[in-house]
Amino acid sequence: QVQLVESGGGLVQTGESLTISCAISGRTFTRSAMAWFRQAPGKEREFVAGYSVISVSGLTFYADSVKGRFTIARDAAKNTLYLQMNTLKPEDTAIYYCATRNWVATERAEDYNDWGQGTQVTVSS
């Protein structure tokens, strides 16, 4: 059974940094493309960052709203995905979810098979 468990969320102030994590078990990490999505109250779930296992255009990619501020990374030895978030803004406030599928990450939530329960990130102004 695949399990994804996010952690590291919390309350920070505008301009601060935060790193959240997603531990995955129950599937082969080396063929698992992974991504971060987020959902703010009253809004649809949106793509944040993706990390592919294979790609012709680069392994990582980001939503325009976080490009240059967020960094997605993974540690195969720990079966863990990370999202380092710098220069946080109030509009980054949301529940952050990690998701996984085979090989290639996409921006579409419906492409992912498995999801974590989410971790809350709140940025105060």
PDB file of N, CA and C in Angstrom:
ATOM      1  N   GLN A   1       0.840  -1.196   0.000  1.00  0.00           N
ATOM      2  CA  GLN A   1       0.000   0.000   0.000  1.00  0.00           C
ATOM      3  C   GLN A   1       0.874   1.245   0.000  1.00  0.00           C
ATOM      4  N   VAL A   2       0.576   2.155  -0.919  1.00  0.00           N
ATOM      5  CA  VAL A   2       1.353   3.383  -1.026  1.00  0.00           C
ATOM      6  C   VAL A   2       0.910   4.363   0.052  1.00  0.00           C
ATOM      7  N   GLN A   3       1.886   4.941   0.709  1.00  0.00           N
ATOM      8  CA  GLN A   3       1.594   5.969   1.707  1.00  0.00           C
ATOM      9  C   GLN A   3       2.503   7.172   1.481  1.00  0.00           C
ATOM     10  N   LEU A   4       1.917   8.357   1.535  1.00  0.00           N
ATOM     11  CA  LEU A   4       2.665   9.595   1.478  1.00  0.00           C
ATOM     12  C   LEU A   4       2.292  10.401   2.722  1.00  0.00           C
ATOM     13  N   VAL A   5       3.296  10.832   3.443  1.00  0.00           N
ATOM     14  CA  VAL A   5       3.055  11.555   4.683  1.00  0.00           C
ATOM     15  C   VAL A   5       3.827  12.867   4.651  1.00  0.00           C
ATOM     16  N   GLU A   6       3.073  13.965   4.596  1.00  0.00           N
ATOM     17  CA  GLU A   6       3.681  15.292   4.615  1.00  0.00           C
ATOM     18  C   GLU A   6       3.930  15.750   6.044  1.00  0.00           C
ATOM     19  N   SER A   7       4.929  16.602   6.194  1.00  0.00           N
ATOM     20  CA  SER A   7       5.222  17.187   7.495  1.00  0.00           C
ATOM     21  C   SER A   7       5.969  18.504   7.291  1.00  0.00           C
ATOM     22  N   GLY A   8       6.046  19.281   8.368  1.00  0.00           N
ATOM     23  CA  GLY A   8       6.843  20.491   8.337  1.00  0.00           C
ATOM     24  C   GLY A   8       6.085  21.779   8.138  1.00  0.00           C
ATOM     25  N   GLY A   9       4.781  21.695   7.959  1.00  0.00           N
ATOM     26  CA  GLY A   9       4.003  22.919   7.802  1.00  0.00           C
ATOM     27  C   GLY A   9       3.963  23.728   9.090  1.00  0.00           C
ATOM     28  N   GLY A  10       3.495  24.953   8.964  1.00  0.00           N
ATOM     29  CA  GLY A  10       3.408  25.798  10.143  1.00  0.00           C
ATOM     30  C   GLY A  10       3.048  27.216   9.804  1.00  0.00           C
ATOM     31  N   LEU A  11       3.187  28.081  10.796  1.00  0.00           N
ATOM     32  CA  LEU A  11       2.872  29.507  10.657  1.00  0.00           C
ATOM     33  C   LEU A  11       4.180  30.294  10.565  1.00  0.00           C
ATOM     34  N   VAL A  12       4.318  31.072   9.494  1.00  0.00           N
ATOM     35  CA  VAL A  12       5.494  31.922   9.327  1.00  0.00           C
ATOM     36  C   VAL A  12       5.043  33.317   8.927  1.00  0.00           C
ATOM     37  N   GLN A  13       5.977  34.246   8.976  1.00  0.00           N
ATOM     38  CA  GLN A  13       5.663  35.615   8.575  1.00  0.00           C
ATOM     39  C   GLN A  13       6.110  35.854   7.132  1.00  0.00           C
ATOM     40  N   THR A  14       5.547  36.860   6.538  1.00  0.00           N
ATOM     41  CA  THR A  14       5.904  37.231   5.171  1.00  0.00           C
ATOM     42  C   THR A  14       7.411  37.422   5.047  1.00  0.00           C
ATOM     43  N   GLY A  15       7.974  36.826   3.995  1.00  0.00           N
ATOM     44  CA  GLY A  15       9.397  36.938   3.751  1.00  0.00           C
ATOM     45  C   GLY A  15      10.236  35.825   4.349  1.00  0.00           C
ATOM     46  N   GLU A  16       9.650  35.051   5.233  1.00  0.00           N
ATOM     47  CA  GLU A  16      10.399  33.966   5.867  1.00  0.00           C
ATOM     48  C   GLU A  16      10.419  32.726   4.985  1.00  0.00           C
ATOM     49  N   SER A  17      11.169  31.722   5.458  1.00  0.00           N
ATOM     50  CA  SER A  17      11.328  30.485   4.715  1.00  0.00           C
ATOM     51  C   SER A  17      10.780  29.303   5.508  1.00  0.00           C
ATOM     52  N   LEU A  18      10.454  28.247   4.779  1.00  0.00           N
ATOM     53  CA  LEU A  18       9.951  27.037   5.401  1.00  0.00           C
ATOM     54  C   LEU A  18      10.229  25.888   4.451  1.00  0.00           C
ATOM     55  N   THR A  19      10.589  24.727   4.998  1.00  0.00           N
ATOM     56  CA  THR A  19      10.766  23.519   4.189  1.00  0.00           C
ATOM     57  C   THR A  19       9.792  22.459   4.666  1.00  0.00           C
ATOM     58  N   ILE A  20       9.024  21.923   3.743  1.00  0.00           N
ATOM     59  CA  ILE A  20       8.112  20.834   4.056  1.00  0.00           C
ATOM     60  C   ILE A  20       8.610  19.552   3.406  1.00  0.00           C
ATOM     61  N   SER A  21       8.190  18.428   3.970  1.00  0.00           N
ATOM     62  CA  SER A  21       8.695  17.127   3.532  1.00  0.00           C
ATOM     63  C   SER A  21       7.539  16.186   3.227  1.00  0.00           C
ATOM     64  N   CYS A  22       7.839  15.176   2.427  1.00  0.00           N
ATOM     65  CA  CYS A  22       6.866  14.130   2.112  1.00  0.00           C
ATOM     66  C   CYS A  22       7.605  12.803   2.074  1.00  0.00           C
ATOM     67  N   ALA A  23       7.298  11.950   3.026  1.00  0.00           N
ATOM     68  CA  ALA A  23       7.903  10.621   3.072  1.00  0.00           C
ATOM     69  C   ALA A  23       7.002   9.646   2.333  1.00  0.00           C
ATOM     70  N   ILE A  24       7.581   8.874   1.434  1.00  0.00           N
ATOM     71  CA  ILE A  24       6.804   7.932   0.632  1.00  0.00           C
ATOM     72  C   ILE A  24       7.213   6.500   0.949  1.00  0.00           C
ATOM     73  N   SER A  25       6.250   5.631   1.008  1.00  0.00           N
ATOM     74  CA  SER A  25       6.506   4.212   1.210  1.00  0.00           C
ATOM     75  C   SER A  25       5.528   3.402   0.368  1.00  0.00           C
ATOM     76  N   GLY A  26       5.892   2.167   0.110  1.00  0.00           N
ATOM     77  CA  GLY A  26       4.983   1.288  -0.606  1.00  0.00           C
ATOM     78  C   GLY A  26       5.116   1.303  -2.119  1.00  0.00           C
ATOM     79  N   ARG A  27       6.066   2.063  -2.660  1.00  0.00           N
ATOM     80  CA  ARG A  27       6.326   2.025  -4.086  1.00  0.00           C
ATOM     81  C   ARG A  27       7.798   2.304  -4.338  1.00  0.00           C
ATOM     82  N   THR A  28       8.236   1.962  -5.529  1.00  0.00           N
ATOM     83  CA  THR A  28       9.639   2.120  -5.852  1.00  0.00           C
ATOM     84  C   THR A  28       9.954   3.586  -6.074  1.00  0.00           C
ATOM     85  N   PHE A  29      10.784   4.118  -5.216  1.00  0.00           N
ATOM     86  CA  PHE A  29      11.057   5.554  -5.235  1.00  0.00           C
ATOM     87  C   PHE A  29      11.727   5.971  -6.536  1.00  0.00           C
ATOM     88  N   THR A  30      12.592   5.123  -7.065  1.00  0.00           N
ATOM     89  CA  THR A  30      13.380   5.505  -8.234  1.00  0.00           C
ATOM     90  C   THR A  30      12.560   5.602  -9.508  1.00  0.00           C
ATOM     91  N   ARG A  31      11.351   5.078  -9.544  1.00  0.00           N
ATOM     92  CA  ARG A  31      10.498   5.277 -10.715  1.00  0.00           C
ATOM     93  C   ARG A  31       9.295   6.165 -10.392  1.00  0.00           C
ATOM     94  N   SER A  32       9.333   6.819  -9.251  1.00  0.00           N
ATOM     95  CA  SER A  32       8.214   7.635  -8.795  1.00  0.00           C
ATOM     96  C   SER A  32       8.449   9.104  -9.105  1.00  0.00           C
ATOM     97  N   ALA A  33       7.732   9.609 -10.101  1.00  0.00           N
ATOM     98  CA  ALA A  33       7.677  11.054 -10.266  1.00  0.00           C
ATOM     99  C   ALA A  33       6.830  11.613  -9.142  1.00  0.00           C
ATOM    100  N   MET A  34       7.200  12.801  -8.672  1.00  0.00           N
ATOM    101  CA  MET A  34       6.477  13.367  -7.544  1.00  0.00           C
ATOM    102  C   MET A  34       6.210  14.852  -7.774  1.00  0.00           C
ATOM    103  N   ALA A  35       5.216  15.351  -7.082  1.00  0.00           N
ATOM    104  CA  ALA A  35       4.859  16.751  -7.248  1.00  0.00           C
ATOM    105  C   ALA A  35       4.255  17.297  -5.970  1.00  0.00           C
ATOM    106  N   TRP A  36       4.308  18.597  -5.862  1.00  0.00           N
ATOM    107  CA  TRP A  36       3.610  19.320  -4.806  1.00  0.00           C
ATOM    108  C   TRP A  36       2.454  20.090  -5.431  1.00  0.00           C
ATOM    109  N   PHE A  37       1.318  20.009  -4.771  1.00  0.00           N
ATOM    110  CA  PHE A  37       0.153  20.817  -5.107  1.00  0.00           C
ATOM    111  C   PHE A  37      -0.252  21.565  -3.839  1.00  0.00           C
ATOM    112  N   ARG A  38      -1.097  22.568  -4.009  1.00  0.00           N
ATOM    113  CA  ARG A  38      -1.625  23.262  -2.852  1.00  0.00           C
ATOM    114  C   ARG A  38      -3.065  23.665  -3.099  1.00  0.00           C
ATOM    115  N   GLN A  39      -3.776  23.832  -2.001  1.00  0.00           N
ATOM    116  CA  GLN A  39      -5.179  24.243  -2.098  1.00  0.00           C
ATOM    117  C   GLN A  39      -5.478  25.238  -0.995  1.00  0.00           C
ATOM    118  N   ALA A  40      -5.851  26.430  -1.408  1.00  0.00           N
ATOM    119  CA  ALA A  40      -6.260  27.478  -0.478  1.00  0.00           C
ATOM    120  C   ALA A  40      -7.761  27.393  -0.267  1.00  0.00           C
ATOM    121  N   PRO A  41      -8.268  27.943   0.841  1.00  0.00           N
ATOM    122  CA  PRO A  41      -9.715  27.896   1.107  1.00  0.00           C
ATOM    123  C   PRO A  41     -10.516  28.521  -0.031  1.00  0.00           C
ATOM    124  N   GLY A  42     -11.504  27.790  -0.503  1.00  0.00           N
ATOM    125  CA  GLY A  42     -12.363  28.297  -1.548  1.00  0.00           C
ATOM    126  C   GLY A  42     -11.790  28.256  -2.940  1.00  0.00           C
ATOM    127  N   LYS A  43     -10.602  27.664  -3.084  1.00  0.00           N
ATOM    128  CA  LYS A  43      -9.942  27.605  -4.392  1.00  0.00           C
ATOM    129  C   LYS A  43      -9.683  26.161  -4.792  1.00  0.00           C
ATOM    130  N   GLU A  44      -9.462  25.969  -6.086  1.00  0.00           N
ATOM    131  CA  GLU A  44      -9.132  24.645  -6.578  1.00  0.00           C
ATOM    132  C   GLU A  44      -7.687  24.285  -6.250  1.00  0.00           C
ATOM    133  N   ARG A  45      -7.430  22.992  -6.232  1.00  0.00           N
ATOM    134  CA  ARG A  45      -6.061  22.536  -6.014  1.00  0.00           C
ATOM    135  C   ARG A  45      -5.206  22.943  -7.205  1.00  0.00           C
ATOM    136  N   GLU A  46      -4.024  23.485  -6.928  1.00  0.00           N
ATOM    137  CA  GLU A  46      -3.156  23.944  -8.002  1.00  0.00           C
ATOM    138  C   GLU A  46      -1.775  23.342  -7.893  1.00  0.00           C
ATOM    139  N   PHE A  47      -1.158  23.179  -9.048  1.00  0.00           N
ATOM    140  CA  PHE A  47       0.187  22.646  -9.128  1.00  0.00           C
ATOM    141  C   PHE A  47       1.194  23.656  -8.597  1.00  0.00           C
ATOM    142  N   VAL A  48       2.202  23.152  -7.907  1.00  0.00           N
ATOM    143  CA  VAL A  48       3.266  24.002  -7.375  1.00  0.00           C
ATOM    144  C   VAL A  48       4.614  23.652  -8.000  1.00  0.00           C
ATOM    145  N   ALA A  49       5.008  22.384  -7.905  1.00  0.00           N
ATOM    146  CA  ALA A  49       6.321  21.973  -8.417  1.00  0.00           C
ATOM    147  C   ALA A  49       6.305  20.483  -8.693  1.00  0.00           C
ATOM    148  N   GLY A  50       7.097  20.066  -9.684  1.00  0.00           N
ATOM    149  CA  GLY A  50       7.149  18.668 -10.044  1.00  0.00           C
ATOM    150  C   GLY A  50       8.569  18.175 -10.214  1.00  0.00           C
ATOM    151  N   TYR A  51       8.761  16.890  -9.990  1.00  0.00           N
ATOM    152  CA  TYR A  51      10.080  16.271 -10.105  1.00  0.00           C
ATOM    153  C   TYR A  51       9.908  14.956 -10.833  1.00  0.00           C
ATOM    154  N   SER A  52      10.390  14.905 -12.069  1.00  0.00           N
ATOM    155  CA  SER A  52      10.280  13.700 -12.867  1.00  0.00           C
ATOM    156  C   SER A  52      11.482  12.791 -12.654  1.00  0.00           C
ATOM    157  N   VAL A  53      11.275  11.521 -12.933  1.00  0.00           N
ATOM    158  CA  VAL A  53      12.389  10.571 -12.902  1.00  0.00           C
ATOM    159  C   VAL A  53      13.090  10.555 -14.254  1.00  0.00           C
ATOM    160  N   ILE A  54      12.307  10.713 -15.336  1.00  0.00           N
ATOM    161  CA  ILE A  54      12.867  10.816 -16.676  1.00  0.00           C
ATOM    162  C   ILE A  54      12.268  12.036 -17.336  1.00  0.00           C
ATOM    163  N   SER A  55      13.049  12.703 -18.140  1.00  0.00           N
ATOM    164  CA  SER A  55      12.563  13.909 -18.809  1.00  0.00           C
ATOM    165  C   SER A  55      13.535  14.309 -19.899  1.00  0.00           C
ATOM    166  N   VAL A  56      12.993  14.877 -20.976  1.00  0.00           N
ATOM    167  CA  VAL A  56      13.861  15.413 -22.022  1.00  0.00           C
ATOM    168  C   VAL A  56      14.083  16.902 -21.847  1.00  0.00           C
ATOM    169  N   SER A  57      13.327  17.522 -20.961  1.00  0.00           N
ATOM    170  CA  SER A  57      13.428  18.975 -20.806  1.00  0.00           C
ATOM    171  C   SER A  57      13.847  19.404 -19.416  1.00  0.00           C
ATOM    172  N   GLY A  58      14.265  18.484 -18.583  1.00  0.00           N
ATOM    173  CA  GLY A  58      14.656  18.828 -17.230  1.00  0.00           C
ATOM    174  C   GLY A  58      13.805  18.102 -16.215  1.00  0.00           C
ATOM    175  N   LEU A  59      14.399  17.754 -15.085  1.00  0.00           N
ATOM    176  CA  LEU A  59      13.693  16.923 -14.121  1.00  0.00           C
ATOM    177  C   LEU A  59      12.720  17.706 -13.264  1.00  0.00           C
ATOM    178  N   THR A  60      12.965  18.984 -13.052  1.00  0.00           N
ATOM    179  CA  THR A  60      12.112  19.773 -12.167  1.00  0.00           C
ATOM    180  C   THR A  60      11.469  20.928 -12.923  1.00  0.00           C
ATOM    181  N   PHE A  61      10.275  21.288 -12.503  1.00  0.00           N
ATOM    182  CA  PHE A  61       9.597  22.451 -13.072  1.00  0.00           C
ATOM    183  C   PHE A  61       8.630  23.004 -12.046  1.00  0.00           C
ATOM    184  N   TYR A  62       8.260  24.284 -12.253  1.00  0.00           N
ATOM    185  CA  TYR A  62       7.524  25.016 -11.229  1.00  0.00           C
ATOM    186  C   TYR A  62       6.385  25.826 -11.840  1.00  0.00           C
ATOM    187  N   ALA A  63       5.398  26.085 -11.002  1.00  0.00           N
ATOM    188  CA  ALA A  63       4.374  27.055 -11.382  1.00  0.00           C
ATOM    189  C   ALA A  63       5.011  28.439 -11.426  1.00  0.00           C
ATOM    190  N   ASP A  64       4.522  29.292 -12.297  1.00  0.00           N
ATOM    191  CA  ASP A  64       5.091  30.637 -12.429  1.00  0.00           C
ATOM    192  C   ASP A  64       5.031  31.410 -11.117  1.00  0.00           C
ATOM    193  N   SER A  65       4.010  31.149 -10.329  1.00  0.00           N
ATOM    194  CA  SER A  65       3.816  31.907  -9.090  1.00  0.00           C
ATOM    195  C   SER A  65       4.884  31.624  -8.034  1.00  0.00           C
ATOM    196  N   VAL A  66       5.601  30.507  -8.170  1.00  0.00           N
ATOM    197  CA  VAL A  66       6.607  30.159  -7.163  1.00  0.00           C
ATOM    198  C   VAL A  66       8.010  30.064  -7.743  1.00  0.00           C
ATOM    199  N   LYS A  67       8.131  30.211  -9.051  1.00  0.00           N
ATOM    200  CA  LYS A  67       9.426  30.070  -9.703  1.00  0.00           C
ATOM    201  C   LYS A  67      10.404  31.091  -9.141  1.00  0.00           C
ATOM    202  N   GLY A  68      11.595  30.624  -8.792  1.00  0.00           N
ATOM    203  CA  GLY A  68      12.609  31.495  -8.219  1.00  0.00           C
ATOM    204  C   GLY A  68      12.545  31.597  -6.702  1.00  0.00           C
ATOM    205  N   ARG A  69      11.426  31.159  -6.108  1.00  0.00           N
ATOM    206  CA  ARG A  69      11.281  31.219  -4.646  1.00  0.00           C
ATOM    207  C   ARG A  69      11.259  29.826  -4.017  1.00  0.00           C
ATOM    208  N   PHE A  70      10.692  28.857  -4.726  1.00  0.00           N
ATOM    209  CA  PHE A  70      10.558  27.504  -4.198  1.00  0.00           C
ATOM    210  C   PHE A  70      11.523  26.567  -4.922  1.00  0.00           C
ATOM    211  N   THR A  71      11.985  25.546  -4.189  1.00  0.00           N
ATOM    212  CA  THR A  71      12.854  24.530  -4.769  1.00  0.00           C
ATOM    213  C   THR A  71      12.359  23.161  -4.351  1.00  0.00           C
ATOM    214  N   ILE A  72      12.132  22.299  -5.345  1.00  0.00           N
ATOM    215  CA  ILE A  72      11.739  20.923  -5.069  1.00  0.00           C
ATOM    216  C   ILE A  72      12.988  20.049  -5.128  1.00  0.00           C
ATOM    217  N   ALA A  73      13.081  19.122  -4.190  1.00  0.00           N
ATOM    218  CA  ALA A  73      14.240  18.232  -4.132  1.00  0.00           C
ATOM    219  C   ALA A  73      13.801  16.890  -3.571  1.00  0.00           C
ATOM    220  N   ARG A  74      14.606  15.877  -3.812  1.00  0.00           N
ATOM    221  CA  ARG A  74      14.281  14.556  -3.296  1.00  0.00           C
ATOM    222  C   ARG A  74      15.549  13.871  -2.823  1.00  0.00           C
ATOM    223  N   ASP A  75      15.388  13.011  -1.813  1.00  0.00           N
ATOM    224  CA  ASP A  75      16.484  12.240  -1.252  1.00  0.00           C
ATOM    225  C   ASP A  75      16.103  10.771  -1.381  1.00  0.00           C
ATOM    226  N   ALA A  76      16.743  10.084  -2.332  1.00  0.00           N
ATOM    227  CA  ALA A  76      16.393   8.688  -2.580  1.00  0.00           C
ATOM    228  C   ALA A  76      16.751   7.800  -1.398  1.00  0.00           C
ATOM    229  N   ALA A  77      17.805   8.150  -0.671  1.00  0.00           N
ATOM    230  CA  ALA A  77      18.204   7.338   0.467  1.00  0.00           C
ATOM    231  C   ALA A  77      17.150   7.364   1.569  1.00  0.00           C
ATOM    232  N   LYS A  78      16.394   8.458   1.625  1.00  0.00           N
ATOM    233  CA  LYS A  78      15.367   8.607   2.667  1.00  0.00           C
ATOM    234  C   LYS A  78      13.957   8.458   2.118  1.00  0.00           C
ATOM    235  N   ASN A  79      13.830   8.202   0.811  1.00  0.00           N
ATOM    236  CA  ASN A  79      12.503   8.103   0.184  1.00  0.00           C
ATOM    237  C   ASN A  79      11.644   9.319   0.526  1.00  0.00           C
ATOM    238  N   THR A  80      12.239  10.482   0.408  1.00  0.00           N
ATOM    239  CA  THR A  80      11.581  11.704   0.853  1.00  0.00           C
ATOM    240  C   THR A  80      11.690  12.797  -0.197  1.00  0.00           C
ATOM    241  N   LEU A  81      10.588  13.520  -0.359  1.00  0.00           N
ATOM    242  CA  LEU A  81      10.495  14.683  -1.237  1.00  0.00           C
ATOM    243  C   LEU A  81      10.443  15.925  -0.366  1.00  0.00           C
ATOM    244  N   TYR A  82      11.085  16.989  -0.810  1.00  0.00           N
ATOM    245  CA  TYR A  82      11.101  18.237  -0.062  1.00  0.00           C
ATOM    246  C   TYR A  82      10.599  19.398  -0.918  1.00  0.00           C
ATOM    247  N   LEU A  83      10.128  20.414  -0.251  1.00  0.00           N
ATOM    248  CA  LEU A  83       9.817  21.675  -0.922  1.00  0.00           C
ATOM    249  C   LEU A  83      10.359  22.782  -0.040  1.00  0.00           C
ATOM    250  N   GLN A  84      11.429  23.409  -0.505  1.00  0.00           N
ATOM    251  CA  GLN A  84      11.985  24.550   0.210  1.00  0.00           C
ATOM    252  C   GLN A  84      11.306  25.805  -0.310  1.00  0.00           C
ATOM    253  N   MET A  85      10.724  26.564   0.603  1.00  0.00           N
ATOM    254  CA  MET A  85       9.948  27.746   0.225  1.00  0.00           C
ATOM    255  C   MET A  85      10.597  28.976   0.842  1.00  0.00           C
ATOM    256  N   ASN A  86      11.066  29.865  -0.011  1.00  0.00           N
ATOM    257  CA  ASN A  86      11.699  31.104   0.429  1.00  0.00           C
ATOM    258  C   ASN A  86      10.820  32.295   0.090  1.00  0.00           C
ATOM    259  N   THR A  87      11.079  33.396   0.750  1.00  0.00           N
ATOM    260  CA  THR A  87      10.364  34.649   0.496  1.00  0.00           C
ATOM    261  C   THR A  87       8.859  34.408   0.433  1.00  0.00           C
ATOM    262  N   LEU A  88       8.338  33.776   1.458  1.00  0.00           N
ATOM    263  CA  LEU A  88       6.925  33.410   1.469  1.00  0.00           C
ATOM    264  C   LEU A  88       6.031  34.638   1.513  1.00  0.00           C
ATOM    265  N   LYS A  89       4.880  34.501   0.868  1.00  0.00           N
ATOM    266  CA  LYS A  89       3.897  35.572   0.781  1.00  0.00           C
ATOM    267  C   LYS A  89       2.575  35.076   1.356  1.00  0.00           C
ATOM    268  N   PRO A  90       1.702  35.983   1.777  1.00  0.00           N
ATOM    269  CA  PRO A  90       0.399  35.554   2.292  1.00  0.00           C
ATOM    270  C   PRO A  90      -0.379  34.693   1.290  1.00  0.00           C
ATOM    271  N   GLU A  91      -0.219  34.963   0.008  1.00  0.00           N
ATOM    272  CA  GLU A  91      -0.930  34.177  -1.001  1.00  0.00           C
ATOM    273  C   GLU A  91      -0.398  32.751  -1.148  1.00  0.00           C
ATOM    274  N   ASP A  92       0.694  32.436  -0.473  1.00  0.00           N
ATOM    275  CA  ASP A  92       1.185  31.064  -0.434  1.00  0.00           C
ATOM    276  C   ASP A  92       0.463  30.231   0.624  1.00  0.00           C
ATOM    277  N   THR A  93      -0.375  30.861   1.422  1.00  0.00           N
ATOM    278  CA  THR A  93      -1.126  30.148   2.451  1.00  0.00           C
ATOM    279  C   THR A  93      -2.044  29.119   1.820  1.00  0.00           C
ATOM    280  N   ALA A  94      -1.896  27.866   2.252  1.00  0.00           N
ATOM    281  CA  ALA A  94      -2.684  26.777   1.675  1.00  0.00           C
ATOM    282  C   ALA A  94      -2.331  25.481   2.397  1.00  0.00           C
ATOM    283  N   ILE A  95      -3.099  24.455   2.097  1.00  0.00           N
ATOM    284  CA  ILE A  95      -2.704  23.098   2.463  1.00  0.00           C
ATOM    285  C   ILE A  95      -1.859  22.563   1.304  1.00  0.00           C
ATOM    286  N   TYR A  96      -0.694  22.069   1.628  1.00  0.00           N
ATOM    287  CA  TYR A  96       0.231  21.558   0.617  1.00  0.00           C
ATOM    288  C   TYR A  96       0.179  20.032   0.615  1.00  0.00           C
ATOM    289  N   TYR A  97       0.007  19.479  -0.587  1.00  0.00           N
ATOM    290  CA  TYR A  97      -0.102  18.045  -0.765  1.00  0.00           C
ATOM    291  C   TYR A  97       1.031  17.541  -1.660  1.00  0.00           C
ATOM    292  N   CYS A  98       1.553  16.370  -1.350  1.00  0.00           N
ATOM    293  CA  CYS A  98       2.448  15.720  -2.293  1.00  0.00           C
ATOM    294  C   CYS A  98       1.686  14.587  -2.979  1.00  0.00           C
ATOM    295  N   ALA A  99       2.120  14.285  -4.184  1.00  0.00           N
ATOM    296  CA  ALA A  99       1.461  13.274  -4.995  1.00  0.00           C
ATOM    297  C   ALA A  99       2.504  12.538  -5.818  1.00  0.00           C
ATOM    298  N   THR A 100       2.155  11.335  -6.252  1.00  0.00           N
ATOM    299  CA  THR A 100       3.116  10.551  -7.014  1.00  0.00           C
ATOM    300  C   THR A 100       2.453   9.797  -8.151  1.00  0.00           C
ATOM    301  N   ARG A 101       3.213   9.564  -9.213  1.00  0.00           N
ATOM    302  CA  ARG A 101       2.808   8.763 -10.358  1.00  0.00           C
ATOM    303  C   ARG A 101       4.091   8.213 -10.959  1.00  0.00           C
ATOM    304  N   ASN A 102       3.947   7.391 -11.986  1.00  0.00           N
ATOM    305  CA  ASN A 102       5.146   6.799 -12.577  1.00  0.00           C
ATOM    306  C   ASN A 102       5.868   7.769 -13.493  1.00  0.00           C
ATOM    307  N   TRP A 103       7.181   7.818 -13.343  1.00  0.00           N
ATOM    308  CA  TRP A 103       8.152   8.368 -14.271  1.00  0.00           C
ATOM    309  C   TRP A 103       8.129   9.892 -14.501  1.00  0.00           C
ATOM    310  N   VAL A 104       7.030  10.451 -14.990  1.00  0.00           N
ATOM    311  CA  VAL A 104       7.040  11.841 -15.435  1.00  0.00           C
ATOM    312  C   VAL A 104       5.999  12.660 -14.670  1.00  0.00           C
ATOM    313  N   ALA A 105       6.445  13.722 -14.040  1.00  0.00           N
ATOM    314  CA  ALA A 105       5.522  14.605 -13.337  1.00  0.00           C
ATOM    315  C   ALA A 105       4.746  15.474 -14.326  1.00  0.00           C
ATOM    316  N   THR A 106       3.541  15.799 -13.968  1.00  0.00           N
ATOM    317  CA  THR A 106       2.710  16.701 -14.769  1.00  0.00           C
ATOM    318  C   THR A 106       2.094  17.752 -13.862  1.00  0.00           C
ATOM    319  N   GLU A 107       1.402  18.708 -14.479  1.00  0.00           N
ATOM    320  CA  GLU A 107       0.751  19.765 -13.718  1.00  0.00           C
ATOM    321  C   GLU A 107      -0.708  19.451 -13.409  1.00  0.00           C
ATOM    322  N   ARG A 108      -1.188  18.301 -13.850  1.00  0.00           N
ATOM    323  CA  ARG A 108      -2.597  17.977 -13.694  1.00  0.00           C
ATOM    324  C   ARG A 108      -2.801  17.039 -12.509  1.00  0.00           C
ATOM    325  N   ALA A 109      -3.611  17.466 -11.563  1.00  0.00           N
ATOM    326  CA  ALA A 109      -3.860  16.662 -10.373  1.00  0.00           C
ATOM    327  C   ALA A 109      -4.468  15.302 -10.720  1.00  0.00           C
ATOM    328  N   GLU A 110      -5.276  15.262 -11.758  1.00  0.00           N
ATOM    329  CA  GLU A 110      -5.950  14.005 -12.114  1.00  0.00           C
ATOM    330  C   GLU A 110      -4.992  12.950 -12.653  1.00  0.00           C
ATOM    331  N   ASP A 111      -3.767  13.330 -12.955  1.00  0.00           N
ATOM    332  CA  ASP A 111      -2.788  12.370 -13.457  1.00  0.00           C
ATOM    333  C   ASP A 111      -2.139  11.556 -12.338  1.00  0.00           C
ATOM    334  N   TYR A 112      -2.336  11.961 -11.094  1.00  0.00           N
ATOM    335  CA  TYR A 112      -1.623  11.332  -9.985  1.00  0.00           C
ATOM    336  C   TYR A 112      -2.465  10.264  -9.297  1.00  0.00           C
ATOM    337  N   ASN A 113      -1.792   9.183  -8.946  1.00  0.00           N
ATOM    338  CA  ASN A 113      -2.478   8.042  -8.369  1.00  0.00           C
ATOM    339  C   ASN A 113      -2.620   8.125  -6.855  1.00  0.00           C
ATOM    340  N   ASP A 114      -1.623   8.657  -6.218  1.00  0.00           N
ATOM    341  CA  ASP A 114      -1.589   8.610  -4.766  1.00  0.00           C
ATOM    342  C   ASP A 114      -1.263   9.988  -4.195  1.00  0.00           C
ATOM    343  N   TRP A 115      -1.879  10.279  -3.058  1.00  0.00           N
ATOM    344  CA  TRP A 115      -1.773  11.582  -2.419  1.00  0.00           C
ATOM    345  C   TRP A 115      -1.539  11.439  -0.930  1.00  0.00           C
ATOM    346  N   GLY A 116      -0.870  12.441  -0.380  1.00  0.00           N
ATOM    347  CA  GLY A 116      -0.759  12.528   1.058  1.00  0.00           C
ATOM    348  C   GLY A 116      -1.954  13.251   1.648  1.00  0.00           C
ATOM    349  N   GLN A 117      -1.938  13.397   2.959  1.00  0.00           N
ATOM    350  CA  GLN A 117      -3.075  14.007   3.660  1.00  0.00           C
ATOM    351  C   GLN A 117      -2.964  15.531   3.721  1.00  0.00           C
ATOM    352  N   GLY A 118      -1.783  16.056   3.390  1.00  0.00           N
ATOM    353  CA  GLY A 118      -1.580  17.500   3.367  1.00  0.00           C
ATOM    354  C   GLY A 118      -0.974  18.051   4.642  1.00  0.00           C
ATOM    355  N   THR A 119      -0.304  19.183   4.483  1.00  0.00           N
ATOM    356  CA  THR A 119       0.244  19.909   5.628  1.00  0.00           C
ATOM    357  C   THR A 119      -0.055  21.393   5.443  1.00  0.00           C
ATOM    358  N   GLN A 120      -0.516  22.040   6.504  1.00  0.00           N
ATOM    359  CA  GLN A 120      -0.953  23.435   6.415  1.00  0.00           C
ATOM    360  C   GLN A 120       0.243  24.378   6.490  1.00  0.00           C
ATOM    361  N   VAL A 121       0.295  25.295   5.549  1.00  0.00           N
ATOM    362  CA  VAL A 121       1.273  26.384   5.580  1.00  0.00           C
ATOM    363  C   VAL A 121       0.503  27.689   5.635  1.00  0.00           C
ATOM    364  N   THR A 122       0.784  28.490   6.644  1.00  0.00           N
ATOM    365  CA  THR A 122       0.109  29.772   6.812  1.00  0.00           C
ATOM    366  C   THR A 122       1.156  30.870   6.875  1.00  0.00           C
ATOM    367  N   VAL A 123       0.990  31.874   6.022  1.00  0.00           N
ATOM    368  CA  VAL A 123       1.922  32.998   5.973  1.00  0.00           C
ATOM    369  C   VAL A 123       1.167  34.240   6.413  1.00  0.00           C
ATOM    370  N   SER A 124       1.605  34.818   7.509  1.00  0.00           N
ATOM    371  CA  SER A 124       0.935  36.007   8.034  1.00  0.00           C
ATOM    372  C   SER A 124       1.564  37.265   7.442  1.00  0.00           C
ATOM    373  N   SER A 125       0.731  38.282   7.291  1.00  0.00           N
ATOM    374  CA  SER A 125       1.210  39.541   6.701  1.00  0.00           C
ATOM    375  C   SER A 125       1.686  40.515   7.755  1.00  0.00           C
TER     376      SER A 125
END
